[in-house]
Protein backbone atom coordinates (compact mmCIF):
# COMPACT_ATOMS: atom_id res chain seq x y z
CA MET A 1 13.15 92.16 -1.00
CA VAL A 2 11.36 89.36 -2.19
CA THR A 3 7.68 88.45 -0.62
CA MET A 4 6.40 85.79 -1.66
CA ASN A 5 2.48 84.90 -2.02
CA THR A 6 1.29 81.33 -0.06
CA THR A 7 -1.98 80.27 -0.94
CA LYS A 8 -4.00 78.99 2.06
CA THR A 9 -5.84 75.44 0.92
CA THR A 10 -9.30 74.95 2.64
CA THR A 11 -10.33 71.00 2.95
CA GLN A 12 -13.28 70.09 4.36
CA GLY A 13 -11.36 68.15 7.08
CA ARG A 14 -13.30 65.30 9.21
CA ARG A 15 -16.61 64.89 7.81
CA LYS A 16 -19.16 63.00 9.54
CA ILE A 17 -20.29 59.87 6.74
CA GLU A 18 -23.63 58.98 6.74
CA ILE A 19 -24.83 55.91 7.92
CA LYS A 20 -25.98 53.87 4.99
CA LYS A 21 -26.47 50.98 2.24
CA ILE A 22 -23.19 52.20 0.32
CA GLU A 23 -24.88 51.42 -3.66
CA SER A 24 -21.09 50.89 -5.10
CA VAL A 25 -20.52 46.38 -4.65
CA SER A 26 -16.83 47.50 -4.88
CA ASN A 27 -16.75 49.90 -3.03
CA ARG A 28 -19.22 47.71 -0.15
CA GLN A 29 -16.63 45.02 0.04
CA VAL A 30 -13.28 46.91 0.40
CA THR A 31 -15.24 48.67 3.42
CA PHE A 32 -16.35 45.79 4.80
CA SER A 33 -12.54 44.28 4.83
CA LYS A 34 -11.57 47.47 6.28
CA ARG A 35 -14.04 47.25 9.02
CA ARG A 36 -14.02 43.91 10.28
CA ALA A 37 -10.57 44.05 10.85
CA GLY A 38 -10.89 47.43 12.77
CA LEU A 39 -13.45 45.76 14.32
CA PHE A 40 -11.81 42.59 15.37
CA LYS A 41 -8.45 44.59 16.25
CA LYS A 42 -10.16 46.54 18.72
CA ALA A 43 -11.85 43.49 19.71
CA SER A 44 -8.55 41.59 21.19
CA GLN A 45 -7.68 44.74 22.41
CA LEU A 46 -10.15 44.78 24.65
CA CYS A 47 -9.37 42.00 25.88
CA ILE A 48 -6.74 42.23 26.47
CA LEU A 49 -7.19 45.43 28.82
CA SER A 50 -9.87 44.17 30.39
CA GLY A 51 -9.75 40.07 30.41
CA ALA A 52 -12.82 40.08 29.15
CA GLU A 53 -13.55 37.25 26.64
CA ILE A 54 -14.87 37.65 23.00
CA ALA A 55 -17.08 36.16 20.58
CA ILE A 56 -17.68 37.61 16.95
CA VAL A 57 -19.11 35.41 14.43
CA VAL A 58 -19.62 37.79 10.96
CA LYS A 59 -20.98 36.69 7.86
CA SER A 60 -20.02 38.67 4.82
CA PRO A 61 -21.41 39.98 1.07
CA GLY A 62 -20.56 37.44 -0.29
CA LYS A 63 -21.59 34.85 1.69
CA ARG A 64 -18.40 34.45 3.71
CA THR A 65 -18.32 34.16 7.43
CA PHE A 66 -15.15 35.05 9.53
CA ALA A 67 -14.84 34.68 13.50
CA PHE A 68 -12.85 36.39 16.19
CA GLY A 69 -12.92 34.52 19.82
CA GLN A 70 -10.97 35.34 22.74
CA PRO A 71 -10.50 32.22 24.17
CA SER A 72 -12.13 30.39 21.97
CA VAL A 73 -15.68 31.36 19.93
CA ASP A 74 -16.92 27.51 20.95
CA ALA A 75 -16.15 28.22 24.55
CA VAL A 76 -17.61 31.89 24.72
CA ILE A 77 -21.03 30.81 23.31
CA ASP A 78 -20.89 27.00 25.21
CA ARG A 79 -20.61 29.16 28.41
CA TYR A 80 -23.47 31.67 27.28
CA LEU A 81 -25.45 28.49 26.71
CA THR A 82 -25.57 26.99 29.92
CA GLY A 83 -24.53 29.59 32.17
CA THR A 84 -21.43 28.52 33.32
CA SER A 85 -19.15 31.71 34.44
CA ALA A 86 -15.53 31.83 33.20
CA ALA A 87 -14.11 31.25 36.83
CA ALA A 88 -15.84 27.93 37.94
CA GLU A 89 -15.06 26.36 34.37
CA GLN A 90 -11.09 28.00 35.32
CA ASN A 91 -11.81 26.04 38.69
CA ASN A 92 -12.26 22.69 37.09
CA GLY A 93 -9.73 22.39 33.96
CA PRO A 94 -6.78 23.63 33.33
CA SER A 95 -5.81 26.71 33.15
CA VAL A 96 -3.90 28.47 30.00
CA LEU A 97 -0.99 28.84 31.84
CA ASP A 98 -0.66 24.74 32.30
CA PHE A 99 -1.66 24.97 29.12
CA ASN A 100 1.08 27.33 27.75
CA GLU A 101 3.30 25.13 30.26
CA LYS A 102 3.04 21.53 28.02
CA TYR A 103 3.37 23.56 24.86
CA ALA A 104 6.80 24.77 25.92
CA GLN A 105 7.83 21.22 27.33
CA VAL A 106 7.01 19.54 23.90
CA SER A 107 8.78 22.11 21.81
CA LYS A 108 11.69 21.55 23.56
CA GLU A 109 11.11 18.13 23.50
CA LEU A 110 10.60 18.91 19.31
CA GLU A 111 13.69 20.59 18.81
CA ALA A 112 15.54 17.68 20.71
CA GLU A 113 14.13 14.63 18.13
CA LYS A 114 15.41 17.29 15.51
CA ARG A 115 18.96 17.56 16.97
CA ARG A 116 19.40 13.13 17.60
CA ARG A 117 17.57 12.92 14.04
CA ALA A 118 20.77 15.43 12.41
CA VAL A 119 22.66 13.37 14.28
CA ILE A 120 21.57 9.60 13.17
CA GLU A 121 21.99 11.22 9.25
CA GLU A 122 25.30 12.49 9.72
CA THR A 123 25.99 9.57 11.05
CA LYS A 124 25.03 7.25 8.63
CA LYS A 125 26.64 9.95 5.79
CA ALA A 126 29.92 9.22 7.99
CA ALA A 127 29.36 5.23 7.87
CA ASN A 128 29.14 5.24 3.93
CA ASP A 129 32.23 7.26 4.33
CA GLY A 130 33.61 4.40 5.78
CA ARG A 131 34.21 5.96 9.42
CA PHE A 132 32.77 5.04 12.94
CA TRP A 133 30.55 7.83 14.56
CA TRP A 134 32.50 7.35 17.58
CA ASP A 135 35.33 8.57 15.18
CA GLU A 136 34.42 12.22 14.87
CA ALA A 137 34.95 14.96 17.01
CA VAL A 138 33.24 15.79 19.74
CA ASP A 139 35.09 19.52 20.66
CA ASP A 140 32.49 21.25 18.72
CA LEU A 141 29.23 19.36 20.93
CA GLY A 142 26.59 21.26 23.24
CA LEU A 143 26.05 19.82 26.39
CA GLU A 144 22.57 17.82 25.44
CA GLU A 145 24.32 16.35 23.03
CA LEU A 146 27.40 15.08 25.03
CA GLU A 147 24.33 13.64 27.18
CA GLN A 148 23.48 11.54 24.07
CA TYR A 149 27.02 10.59 22.71
CA VAL A 150 27.77 8.91 26.67
CA ALA A 151 23.97 7.37 26.04
CA ALA A 152 24.81 5.82 22.57
CA LEU A 153 28.21 5.15 23.99
CA GLU A 154 26.58 3.48 27.03
CA GLU A 155 24.36 1.26 24.67
CA LEU A 156 27.03 0.05 22.26
CA LYS A 157 29.48 -1.33 25.25
CA LYS A 158 26.21 -3.25 26.78
CA ASN A 159 25.14 -4.35 23.04
CA VAL A 160 28.93 -5.87 22.91
CA SER A 161 29.15 -7.22 26.36
CA MET A 162 25.88 -9.46 25.60
CA LYS A 163 27.13 -10.45 22.05
CA ALA A 164 30.54 -11.61 23.77
CA ASP A 165 28.64 -13.75 25.92
CA GLU A 166 26.49 -15.43 23.46
CA LEU A 167 29.58 -16.38 21.98
CA MET A 168 31.33 -17.65 24.88
CA ILE A 169 28.16 -19.97 25.67
CA MET A 170 28.31 -21.11 22.28
CA LYS A 171 32.40 -22.19 22.00
CA ALA A 172 31.99 -24.13 25.15
CA ASN A 173 29.04 -26.19 24.25
CA SER A 174 30.62 -27.22 21.24
CA SER A 175 32.91 -29.04 23.04
CA MET A 176 30.73 -32.37 22.83
CA MET A 177 31.77 -32.99 18.83
CA PHE A 178 29.38 -36.47 18.03
CA GLY A 179 31.73 -38.21 20.53
CA MET A 180 31.03 -40.68 23.25
CA ASN A 181 31.98 -39.57 26.11
CA GLU A 182 32.08 -42.74 27.92
CA SER A 183 31.32 -39.91 31.63
CA ALA A 184 28.04 -37.82 30.41
CA ASN A 185 26.69 -39.52 27.21
CA HIS A 186 27.15 -43.71 28.31
CA GLY A 187 28.40 -44.37 24.58
CA GLY A 188 25.59 -41.86 23.31
CA LEU A 189 26.30 -40.31 20.25
CA GLY A 190 26.87 -36.26 21.44
CA LEU A 191 25.56 -32.95 20.73
CA MET A 192 27.07 -31.52 17.84
CA SER A 193 29.17 -28.16 18.36
CA ASP A 194 26.85 -26.55 16.14
CA CYS A 195 23.10 -27.39 17.07
CA ALA A 196 21.62 -25.14 14.81
CA THR A 197 23.45 -26.36 11.80
CA SER A 198 21.31 -28.04 9.36
CA MET A 199 23.20 -31.55 9.77
CA VAL A 200 20.28 -31.77 13.24
CA PRO A 201 17.04 -34.35 12.81
CA HIS A 202 14.20 -32.38 12.44
CA GLY A 203 12.99 -33.29 16.45
CA PHE A 204 16.80 -33.02 18.04
CA ASP A 205 16.84 -31.78 21.72
CA CYS A 206 20.11 -30.12 21.79
CA ALA A 207 19.72 -29.57 26.06
CA ASN A 208 19.41 -33.78 25.91
CA SER A 209 21.02 -34.89 23.85
CA SER A 210 22.61 -37.48 25.97
CA MET A 211 18.67 -39.52 25.36
CA MET A 212 18.42 -38.35 21.37
CA PHE A 213 19.88 -41.32 19.44
CA GLY A 214 22.23 -42.39 21.81
CA MET A 215 22.64 -45.57 23.80
CA ASN A 216 21.14 -45.01 27.46
CA GLU A 217 21.21 -47.80 29.54
CA SER A 218 18.88 -47.62 32.06
CA ALA A 219 16.07 -46.02 30.09
CA ASN A 220 16.29 -48.07 26.99
CA HIS A 221 19.01 -50.92 27.43
CA GLY A 222 20.91 -49.08 25.49
CA GLY A 223 18.95 -49.20 22.08
CA LEU A 224 18.35 -46.20 19.93
CA ARG A 225 15.64 -43.38 21.26
CA LEU A 226 12.77 -42.98 19.54
CA MET A 227 13.19 -38.64 18.27
CA SER A 228 10.92 -36.17 19.95
CA ASP A 229 8.89 -35.61 17.31
CA CYS A 230 7.57 -39.12 16.09
CA ALA A 231 5.55 -37.72 13.06
CA THR A 232 8.62 -36.87 11.08
CA SER A 233 10.28 -37.87 7.97
CA THR A 234 12.82 -39.26 9.43
CA VAL A 235 10.79 -41.95 11.07
CA PRO A 236 11.81 -45.55 9.56
CA HIS A 237 8.70 -47.27 7.69
CA GLY A 238 8.02 -48.95 10.31
CA PHE A 239 8.95 -47.78 13.65
CA ASP A 240 6.65 -48.35 15.90
CA CYS A 241 6.04 -45.11 18.40
CA ALA A 242 4.12 -46.79 21.09
CA ASN A 243 7.11 -49.15 21.74
CA SER A 244 10.04 -47.35 20.65
CA SER A 245 12.17 -49.34 22.89
CA MET A 246 11.56 -52.70 21.35
CA MET A 247 12.37 -51.05 17.67
CA PHE A 248 15.33 -51.03 16.15
CA GLY A 249 16.52 -51.32 19.77
CA MET A 250 18.83 -53.75 22.18
CA ASN A 251 16.13 -55.32 23.93
CA GLU A 252 18.38 -57.89 26.24
CA SER A 253 14.83 -60.54 27.22
CA ALA A 254 14.18 -60.84 23.36
CA ASN A 255 16.69 -59.48 20.70
CA HIS A 256 19.65 -60.61 23.08
CA GLY A 257 20.38 -56.95 22.64
CA GLY A 258 19.41 -57.36 18.84
CA LEU A 259 18.89 -54.69 16.30
CA ARG A 260 14.54 -55.66 16.19
CA LEU A 261 12.67 -56.29 13.17
CA MET A 262 11.08 -54.22 11.41
CA SER A 263 6.87 -54.10 12.30
CA ASP A 264 6.83 -54.88 8.16
CA CYS A 265 8.88 -57.33 7.04
CA ALA A 266 8.02 -57.79 3.69
CA THR A 267 8.99 -53.97 3.18
CA SER A 268 12.51 -52.28 0.57
CA THR A 269 13.55 -51.39 3.54
CA VAL A 270 14.21 -55.53 4.70
CA PRO A 271 17.90 -55.09 3.63
CA HIS A 272 19.13 -58.08 1.75
CA GLY A 273 19.94 -61.38 2.99
CA PHE A 274 17.65 -60.38 6.60
CA ASP A 275 16.20 -63.42 8.44
CA CYS A 276 12.70 -62.67 9.00
CA ALA A 277 12.10 -66.16 10.86
CA ASN A 278 15.46 -65.03 12.88
CA SER A 279 15.76 -61.96 13.63
CA SER A 280 18.01 -61.80 16.57
CA MET A 281 20.66 -63.19 14.82
CA MET A 282 20.30 -60.83 11.67
CA PHE A 283 22.40 -57.61 12.51
CA GLY A 284 22.01 -58.50 15.87
CA MET A 285 23.89 -58.67 19.43
CA ASN A 286 25.28 -62.42 20.39
CA GLU A 287 25.88 -62.59 23.55
CA SER A 288 28.23 -66.00 23.16
CA ALA A 289 29.67 -65.27 19.75
CA ASN A 290 29.83 -61.25 19.09
CA HIS A 291 30.64 -59.44 22.82
CA GLY A 292 26.69 -57.53 22.16
CA GLY A 293 28.80 -56.83 17.88
CA LEU A 294 27.06 -56.26 15.16
CA GLY A 295 25.71 -59.69 14.18
CA LEU A 296 26.72 -61.34 10.61
CA MET A 297 24.37 -61.40 7.80
CA SER A 298 22.69 -64.23 6.70
CA ASP A 299 23.96 -64.16 3.34
CA CYS A 300 27.65 -63.19 4.10
CA ALA A 301 28.71 -63.16 0.46
CA THR A 302 25.95 -60.76 -1.37
CA SER A 303 26.44 -56.96 -1.94
CA MET A 304 25.05 -55.41 1.34
CA VAL A 305 28.37 -56.56 3.57
CA PRO A 306 30.48 -54.03 3.92
CA HIS A 307 34.15 -53.53 2.86
CA GLY A 308 36.09 -54.90 5.18
CA PHE A 309 33.65 -56.78 6.92
CA ASP A 310 35.70 -59.98 8.24
CA CYS A 311 32.99 -62.77 8.50
CA ALA A 312 34.97 -65.40 10.42
CA ASN A 313 35.08 -62.83 12.78
CA SER A 314 32.02 -60.51 13.44
CA SER A 315 32.52 -59.34 16.71
CA MET A 316 35.15 -57.18 15.51
CA MET A 317 32.71 -54.95 12.97
CA PHE A 318 31.41 -52.04 14.02
CA GLY A 319 30.21 -54.06 16.99
CA MET A 320 30.46 -53.48 21.36
CA ASN A 321 32.92 -55.08 22.42
CA GLU A 322 32.82 -55.02 26.06
CA SER A 323 36.21 -54.85 27.36
CA ALA A 324 37.36 -52.50 24.43
CA ASN A 325 34.51 -49.80 23.52
CA HIS A 326 32.90 -49.69 26.78
CA GLY A 327 29.69 -50.24 24.06
CA GLY A 328 31.24 -47.23 21.95
CA LEU A 329 30.91 -48.35 18.19
CA GLY A 330 33.64 -51.33 17.44
CA LEU A 331 35.92 -50.80 14.74
CA MET A 332 36.67 -52.97 11.84
CA SER A 333 38.38 -55.58 10.45
CA ASP A 334 39.59 -53.12 8.13
CA CYS A 335 40.70 -50.44 9.91
CA ALA A 336 42.24 -48.67 6.19
CA THR A 337 38.91 -48.80 4.93
CA SER A 338 37.12 -45.63 3.93
CA MET A 339 34.21 -47.15 6.00
CA ILE A 340 36.13 -45.35 8.65
CA PRO A 341 34.06 -42.37 10.04
CA HIS A 342 35.87 -39.30 10.15
CA GLY A 343 37.61 -38.80 13.67
CA PHE A 344 37.52 -42.46 14.99
CA ASP A 345 39.81 -43.29 17.51
CA PHE A 346 41.77 -46.33 16.58
CA GLY A 347 43.61 -46.75 20.21
CA ARG A 348 40.29 -46.53 21.64
CA GLY A 349 37.55 -47.75 19.10
CA GLN A 350 35.48 -44.79 19.72
CA PHE A 351 35.28 -41.30 18.86
């Protein structure tokens, strides 16, 4: 029989530590860190167990400040300084429970926004690969993602419908293309099919094309109307903005319907052969001889006479032949020349 000798170890056990300043700097720093953590832990436990509000501010030997507070250090100190109780402040302001509910709601919205952003990134990636986002499979989508998917489809449908309506309106407005519509425009120049093109002069009123560069019988006696912006560079030299019906217009009483002389008859814009003294006979509408047509130039041999101009029958040269053209631009005497505008109707003498 073997007997084992056991030696009983003796320790000092738990002994009381003398409370005094620790001389060693390193030991003092370690002791501070451990005791501070223990103090904050005990304070937190006390707040949980009893619902107390505690504020602790500690400054380390290294001149660093540490604080603990429930609900916060500032709140506890403010209540202490003002003498306001916690119960009275809870009645006046929102409770911690309200803040927690708001935090949960905001967190939920943030997560939804993150998922939505992920869907957008996936859509962009699919578009770069030549695929559309609505072609993606929806089997793996959750309820919230399916709701977002349906909302996106509805928005797409709305945008497509609006674009289709715009195209239909543009197509309907394109029916008037520089033509002379007797019923609506009284022989005036019609609206261009694409009113947004660069061919539309500055100041052109698309909504009221019959009053713009047209022959409006009631207001202008068939004369060319003044542009809406009389200060633009497209207004000819010498144009009188204050009296547009008398300028390049067909004024029955003074000019017998002819084009009036420009205000500065000496300018370079006066055509070669223009008779300043008798402007009613120059490019004018002589009722008896021309039936409202553009009259013969005073010098029929000049280079200003267009190709195909019949000096003996000037009433047929871009004139207004009452019976055949109803105030429209007349047919040139040489119908085969290049001067005939595109779209001119030989049979009716109008566009």
